[in-house]
C-alpha atoms as a PDB file:
ATOM      1  CA  GLY A   1      15.057 -20.433   2.760  1.00  0.00           C
ATOM      2  CA  ASN A   2      13.717 -16.928   2.284  1.00  0.00           C
ATOM      3  CA  THR A   3      10.107 -18.037   1.821  1.00  0.00           C
ATOM      4  CA  GLN A   4      10.213 -19.700   5.243  1.00  0.00           C
ATOM      5  CA  LYS A   5      11.686 -16.528   6.762  1.00  0.00           C
ATOM      6  CA  THR A   6       8.918 -14.380   5.264  1.00  0.00           C
ATOM      7  CA  ARG A   7       6.304 -16.767   6.674  1.00  0.00           C
ATOM      8  CA  VAL A   8       7.889 -16.454  10.103  1.00  0.00           C
ATOM      9  CA  ALA A   9       7.912 -12.645   9.723  1.00  0.00           C
ATOM     10  CA  VAL A  10       4.223 -12.642   8.759  1.00  0.00           C
ATOM     11  CA  ARG A  11       3.375 -14.835  11.755  1.00  0.00           C
ATOM     12  CA  LEU A  12       5.276 -12.442  14.012  1.00  0.00           C
ATOM     13  CA  CYS A  13       3.359  -9.478  12.545  1.00  0.00           C
ATOM     14  CA  ALA A  14       0.090 -11.375  13.012  1.00  0.00           C
ATOM     15  CA  ASP A  15       0.987 -12.075  16.650  1.00  0.00           C
ATOM     16  CA  ILE A  16       1.754  -8.387  17.277  1.00  0.00           C
ATOM     17  CA  LEU A  17      -1.517  -7.299  15.643  1.00  0.00           C
ATOM     18  CA  ASP A  18      -3.378  -9.878  17.756  1.00  0.00           C
ATOM     19  CA  GLU A  19      -1.683  -8.491  20.853  1.00  0.00           C
ATOM     20  CA  LEU A  20      -2.635  -4.930  19.881  1.00  0.00           C
ATOM     21  CA  GLY A  21      -6.188  -6.107  19.187  1.00  0.00           C
ATOM     22  CA  THR A  22      -6.350  -3.977  16.048  1.00  0.00           C
ATOM     23  CA  PHE A  23      -6.495  -6.508  13.206  1.00  0.00           C
ATOM     24  CA  LYS A  24      -6.774 -10.271  12.872  1.00  0.00           C
ATOM     25  CA  ILE A  25      -4.855 -12.048  10.103  1.00  0.00           C
ATOM     26  CA  PRO A  26      -6.353 -15.510   9.662  1.00  0.00           C
ATOM     27  CA  ARG A  27      -3.773 -18.289  10.164  1.00  0.00           C
ATOM     28  CA  ASN A  28      -5.539 -20.577   7.717  1.00  0.00           C
ATOM     29  CA  SER A  29      -4.677 -19.978   4.049  1.00  0.00           C
ATOM     30  CA  LEU A  30      -8.250 -20.541   2.834  1.00  0.00           C
ATOM     31  CA  ALA A  31      -9.633 -18.180   5.472  1.00  0.00           C
ATOM     32  CA  GLN A  32      -7.059 -15.561   4.368  1.00  0.00           C
ATOM     33  CA  LYS A  33      -8.203 -15.896   0.756  1.00  0.00           C
ATOM     34  CA  VAL A  34     -11.887 -15.612   1.625  1.00  0.00           C
ATOM     35  CA  LYS A  35     -11.288 -12.612   3.897  1.00  0.00           C
ATOM     36  CA  ALA A  36      -9.129 -10.927   1.216  1.00  0.00           C
ATOM     37  CA  VAL A  37     -11.747 -11.351  -1.515  1.00  0.00           C
ATOM     38  CA  MET A  38     -14.490 -10.093   0.784  1.00  0.00           C
ATOM     39  CA  ALA A  39     -12.374  -7.099   1.844  1.00  0.00           C
ATOM     40  CA  LEU A  40     -11.570  -6.210  -1.763  1.00  0.00           C
ATOM     41  CA  ARG A  41     -15.223  -6.403  -2.770  1.00  0.00           C
ATOM     42  CA  LYS A  42     -16.116  -3.922  -0.004  1.00  0.00           C
ATOM     43  CA  ILE A  43     -13.581  -1.313  -1.200  1.00  0.00           C
ATOM     44  CA  LYS A  44     -15.410   1.578  -2.828  1.00  0.00           C
ATOM     45  CA  ASP A  45     -14.139   4.694  -4.540  1.00  0.00           C
ATOM     46  CA  VAL A  46     -13.887   7.632  -2.163  1.00  0.00           C
ATOM     47  CA  GLN A  47     -14.408  11.195  -3.295  1.00  0.00           C
ATOM     48  CA  LEU A  48     -11.289  13.365  -3.154  1.00  0.00           C
ATOM     49  CA  GLU A  49     -13.075  15.914  -0.969  1.00  0.00           C
ATOM     50  CA  ILE A  50     -13.697  13.247   1.663  1.00  0.00           C
ATOM     51  CA  LEU A  51     -10.087  12.028   1.528  1.00  0.00           C
ATOM     52  CA  HIS A  52      -8.659  15.507   1.840  1.00  0.00           C
ATOM     53  CA  ALA A  53     -10.963  16.249   4.781  1.00  0.00           C
ATOM     54  CA  LEU A  54      -9.643  13.287   6.775  1.00  0.00           C
ATOM     55  CA  PRO A  55      -7.602  14.264   9.827  1.00  0.00           C
ATOM     56  CA  LEU A  56      -4.048  13.068  10.267  1.00  0.00           C
ATOM     57  CA  MET A  57      -3.837   9.822  12.206  1.00  0.00           C
ATOM     58  CA  GLU A  58      -2.686  10.496  15.759  1.00  0.00           C
ATOM     59  CA  ASP A  59      -3.573   7.291  17.599  1.00  0.00           C
ATOM     60  CA  HIS A  60      -0.222   5.568  18.218  1.00  0.00           C
ATOM     61  CA  THR A  61      -1.780   2.112  18.270  1.00  0.00           C
ATOM     62  CA  GLN A  62      -3.374   2.671  14.862  1.00  0.00           C
ATOM     63  CA  LEU A  63      -0.126   4.137  13.486  1.00  0.00           C
ATOM     64  CA  ALA A  64       1.729   1.050  14.720  1.00  0.00           C
ATOM     65  CA  THR A  65      -0.927  -1.138  13.120  1.00  0.00           C
ATOM     66  CA  ILE A  66      -0.521   0.630   9.769  1.00  0.00           C
ATOM     67  CA  HIS A  67       3.265   0.203   9.952  1.00  0.00           C
ATOM     68  CA  ILE A  68       2.948  -3.497  10.751  1.00  0.00           C
ATOM     69  CA  LEU A  69       0.385  -4.028   7.988  1.00  0.00           C
ATOM     70  CA  ASN A  70       2.754  -2.266   5.592  1.00  0.00           C
ATOM     71  CA  ARG A  71       5.484  -4.741   6.582  1.00  0.00           C
ATOM     72  CA  VAL A  72       3.006  -7.563   5.948  1.00  0.00           C
ATOM     73  CA  THR A  73       2.454  -6.208   2.411  1.00  0.00           C
ATOM     74  CA  SER A  74       6.225  -6.284   1.845  1.00  0.00           C
ATOM     75  CA  TYR A  75       6.509  -9.846   3.135  1.00  0.00           C
ATOM     76  CA  ALA A  76       3.477 -10.908   1.098  1.00  0.00           C
ATOM     77  CA  THR A  77       5.060  -9.430  -2.024  1.00  0.00           C
ATOM     78  CA  LEU A  78       8.359 -11.217  -1.349  1.00  0.00           C
ATOM     79  CA  SER A  79       6.629 -14.544  -0.831  1.00  0.00           C
ATOM     80  CA  GLY A  80       4.181 -14.115  -3.717  1.00  0.00           C
ATOM     81  CA  ASP A  81       1.144 -14.274  -1.425  1.00  0.00           C
ATOM     82  CA  THR A  82      -1.312 -12.135  -3.401  1.00  0.00           C
ATOM     83  CA  PHE A  83      -4.236 -12.711  -1.061  1.00  0.00           C
ATOM     84  CA  LEU A  84      -2.273 -11.638   2.010  1.00  0.00           C
ATOM     85  CA  LEU A  85      -1.114  -8.548   0.093  1.00  0.00           C
ATOM     86  CA  ILE A  86      -4.731  -7.688  -0.739  1.00  0.00           C
ATOM     87  CA  LEU A  87      -5.911  -8.369   2.807  1.00  0.00           C
ATOM     88  CA  ALA A  88      -3.263  -6.161   4.427  1.00  0.00           C
ATOM     89  CA  SER A  89      -3.732  -3.353   1.874  1.00  0.00           C
ATOM     90  CA  CYS A  90      -7.510  -3.333   2.311  1.00  0.00           C
ATOM     91  CA  ALA A  91      -7.030  -3.216   6.091  1.00  0.00           C
ATOM     92  CA  MET A  92      -4.689  -0.214   5.702  1.00  0.00           C
ATOM     93  CA  PHE A  93      -7.216   1.496   3.417  1.00  0.00           C
ATOM     94  CA  ASN A  94     -10.091   0.940   5.866  1.00  0.00           C
ATOM     95  CA  LYS A  95      -8.015   2.110   8.843  1.00  0.00           C
ATOM     96  CA  THR A  96      -7.123   5.263   6.902  1.00  0.00           C
ATOM     97  CA  LEU A  97     -10.794   6.045   6.310  1.00  0.00           C
ATOM     98  CA  LYS A  98     -11.679   5.309   9.939  1.00  0.00           C
ATOM     99  CA  HIS A  99      -8.699   6.797  11.814  1.00  0.00           C
ATOM    100  CA  GLY A 100      -7.182   9.341   9.426  1.00  0.00           C
ATOM    101  CA  LEU A 101      -4.260   9.782   7.072  1.00  0.00           C
ATOM    102  CA  CYS A 102      -0.653   8.829   7.634  1.00  0.00           C
ATOM    103  CA  PRO A 103       2.208   8.682   5.142  1.00  0.00           C
ATOM    104  CA  LEU A 104       1.722   4.946   4.606  1.00  0.00           C
ATOM    105  CA  SER A 105      -1.904   5.498   3.570  1.00  0.00           C
ATOM    106  CA  THR A 106      -0.703   6.038   0.012  1.00  0.00           C
ATOM    107  CA  SER A 107       0.710   2.493  -0.026  1.00  0.00           C
ATOM    108  CA  ALA A 108      -2.750   1.082   0.514  1.00  0.00           C
ATOM    109  CA  PHE A 109      -4.196   3.170  -2.311  1.00  0.00           C
ATOM    110  CA  THR A 110      -1.453   2.266  -4.787  1.00  0.00           C
ATOM    111  CA  THR A 111      -1.599  -1.443  -3.969  1.00  0.00           C
ATOM    112  CA  ILE A 112      -5.364  -1.464  -4.479  1.00  0.00           C
ATOM    113  CA  ALA A 113      -4.743   0.403  -7.762  1.00  0.00           C
ATOM    114  CA  VAL A 114      -2.379  -2.367  -8.905  1.00  0.00           C
ATOM    115  CA  VAL A 115      -4.907  -5.043  -7.933  1.00  0.00           C
ATOM    116  CA  ARG A 116      -7.612  -3.247  -9.898  1.00  0.00           C
ATOM    117  CA  ASP A 117      -5.288  -3.089 -12.899  1.00  0.00           C
ATOM    118  CA  ALA A 118      -4.506  -6.801 -12.572  1.00  0.00           C
ATOM    119  CA  MET A 119      -8.254  -7.461 -12.675  1.00  0.00           C
ATOM    120  CA  GLY A 120      -8.522  -5.440 -15.908  1.00  0.00           C
ATOM    121  CA  ASN A 121     -10.099  -2.395 -14.258  1.00  0.00           C
ATOM    122  CA  PHE A 122      -7.544   0.134 -15.513  1.00  0.00           C
ATOM    123  CA  GLN A 123      -9.761   3.153 -14.931  1.00  0.00           C
ATOM    124  CA  GLY A 124     -10.471   2.005 -11.361  1.00  0.00           C
ATOM    125  CA  GLY A 125      -6.748   1.543 -10.796  1.00  0.00           C
ATOM    126  CA  LYS A 126      -6.092   5.035 -12.125  1.00  0.00           C
ATOM    127  CA  VAL A 127      -8.655   6.510  -9.699  1.00  0.00           C
ATOM    128  CA  PHE A 128      -6.945   4.993  -6.648  1.00  0.00           C
ATOM    129  CA  CYS A 129      -3.534   5.929  -8.011  1.00  0.00           C
ATOM    130  CA  ASP A 130      -4.612   9.549  -8.538  1.00  0.00           C
ATOM    131  CA  GLN A 131      -6.000   9.630  -5.004  1.00  0.00           C
ATOM    132  CA  ALA A 132      -2.685   8.433  -3.573  1.00  0.00           C
ATOM    133  CA  LEU A 133      -0.786  11.026  -5.608  1.00  0.00           C
ATOM    134  CA  SER A 134      -3.136  13.787  -4.459  1.00  0.00           C
ATOM    135  CA  LEU A 135      -2.396  12.984  -0.798  1.00  0.00           C
ATOM    136  CA  LEU A 136       1.384  13.309  -1.110  1.00  0.00           C
ATOM    137  CA  PRO A 137       1.652  17.111  -0.624  1.00  0.00           C
ATOM    138  CA  ARG A 138      -0.287  16.927   2.643  1.00  0.00           C
ATOM    139  CA  LEU A 139       1.685  13.970   3.981  1.00  0.00           C
ATOM    140  CA  ASP A 140       5.102  15.422   3.005  1.00  0.00           C
ATOM    141  CA  SER A 141       7.194  12.228   3.164  1.00  0.00           C
ATOM    142  CA  LYS A 142       9.994  11.632   0.644  1.00  0.00           C
ATOM    143  CA  SER A 143      10.063   7.912   1.348  1.00  0.00           C
ATOM    144  CA  ASP A 144       6.356   7.591   0.637  1.00  0.00           C
ATOM    145  CA  LEU A 145       6.676   9.864  -2.396  1.00  0.00           C
ATOM    146  CA  SER A 146       9.321   7.466  -3.708  1.00  0.00           C
ATOM    147  CA  ARG A 147       7.165   4.378  -3.172  1.00  0.00           C
ATOM    148  CA  THR A 148       3.962   6.029  -4.404  1.00  0.00           C
ATOM    149  CA  TYR A 149       5.543   7.444  -7.556  1.00  0.00           C
ATOM    150  CA  PHE A 150       7.194   4.131  -8.364  1.00  0.00           C
ATOM    151  CA  ILE A 151       4.067   2.026  -7.992  1.00  0.00           C
ATOM    152  CA  SER A 152       1.891   4.659  -9.660  1.00  0.00           C
ATOM    153  CA  TYR A 153       4.082   5.366 -12.666  1.00  0.00           C
ATOM    154  CA  PHE A 154       5.504   1.879 -13.199  1.00  0.00           C
ATOM    155  CA  PHE A 155       2.551  -0.407 -12.513  1.00  0.00           C
ATOM    156  CA  VAL A 156      -0.584   1.725 -12.918  1.00  0.00           C
ATOM    157  CA  LYS A 157      -0.160   4.826 -15.053  1.00  0.00           C
ATOM    158  CA  THR A 158       1.571   2.856 -17.820  1.00  0.00           C
ATOM    159  CA  TRP A 159      -1.829   1.391 -18.718  1.00  0.00           C
ATOM    160  CA  THR A 160      -3.378   4.820 -19.234  1.00  0.00           C
ATOM    161  CA  MET A 161      -0.496   6.982 -20.508  1.00  0.00           C
ATOM    162  CA  PRO A 162       2.660   6.507 -22.612  1.00  0.00           C
ATOM    163  CA  PHE A 163       5.567   5.027 -20.663  1.00  0.00           C
ATOM    164  CA  LYS A 164       7.931   7.789 -21.755  1.00  0.00           C
ATOM    165  CA  ASN A 165       5.675  10.259 -19.880  1.00  0.00           C
ATOM    166  CA  CYS A 166       6.186   8.174 -16.734  1.00  0.00           C
ATOM    167  CA  LEU A 167      10.000   8.230 -16.830  1.00  0.00           C
ATOM    168  CA  LYS A 168      10.309  11.689 -15.243  1.00  0.00           C
ATOM    169  CA  TYR A 169       8.325  10.512 -12.210  1.00  0.00           C
ATOM    170  CA  LEU A 170      10.311   7.282 -11.931  1.00  0.00           C
ATOM    171  CA  GLN A 171      13.518   9.334 -11.836  1.00  0.00           C
ATOM    172  CA  GLU A 172      11.986  11.531  -9.116  1.00  0.00           C
ATOM    173  CA  ALA A 173      11.013   8.382  -7.200  1.00  0.00           C
ATOM    174  CA  TYR A 174      14.595   7.139  -7.302  1.00  0.00           C
ATOM    175  CA  LYS A 175      16.014  10.516  -6.269  1.00  0.00           C
ATOM    176  CA  ALA A 176      13.559  10.926  -3.364  1.00  0.00           C
ATOM    177  CA  GLY A 177      14.276   7.400  -2.084  1.00  0.00           C
ATOM    178  CA  ILE A 178      18.031   7.922  -2.113  1.00  0.00           C
ATOM    179  CA  GLU A 179      17.805  11.431  -0.582  1.00  0.00           C
ATOM    180  CA  CYS A 180      15.837  10.243   2.421  1.00  0.00           C
ATOM    181  CA  GLY A 181      17.995   7.175   2.983  1.00  0.00           C
ATOM    182  CA  ASP A 182      15.252   4.793   1.906  1.00  0.00           C
ATOM    183  CA  THR A 183      17.581   2.489   0.029  1.00  0.00           C
ATOM    184  CA  GLU A 184      14.881  -0.168  -0.325  1.00  0.00           C
ATOM    185  CA  SER A 185      12.670   2.271  -2.206  1.00  0.00           C
ATOM    186  CA  GLY A 186      15.579   3.903  -4.029  1.00  0.00           C
ATOM    187  CA  TRP A 187      17.064   0.660  -5.367  1.00  0.00           C
ATOM    188  CA  HIS A 188      13.714  -0.625  -6.557  1.00  0.00           C
ATOM    189  CA  ARG A 189      13.325   2.519  -8.628  1.00  0.00           C
ATOM    190  CA  MET A 190      16.848   2.493 -10.046  1.00  0.00           C
ATOM    191  CA  TRP A 191      16.027   0.315 -13.030  1.00  0.00           C
END
């Protein structure tokens, strides 16, 4: 059913990334897990000054790679493949640091924030979440604001602040998603 379709979609994304020569997703499940754990262990906190000094990503091949990796994170989420989600998010994070910022950069930061929270590192999750939020004004994308606010204020900030303080941002996430026609983001934030 749907799990098979997401696997096919991930394989297609992997083939495209192979063709672009920009990132290699291991085909073997064990190799994916090992690569994901190693990638996550290499992720270090980045000072805000360094993040804000990054140029905007202009290389079309790298932008395409980020978009494809973002699709992989969606497919990994749908299929429950945590290691593939981590692997793709870490790749997006590293490409952001190497090639510059793009609106989808915030997705990498918020996903890493959620992973840190899941590992019990709530303060580390908050740091990555705050970094993603601080990039939003420069990137000026309602769709990414919607996604970033939702992940930040539903999955991350709720560990470090009262949930009622998060509701305002969740409403803004919903509104931004609907206004820009991002029904996927808007509907996720509706509840």
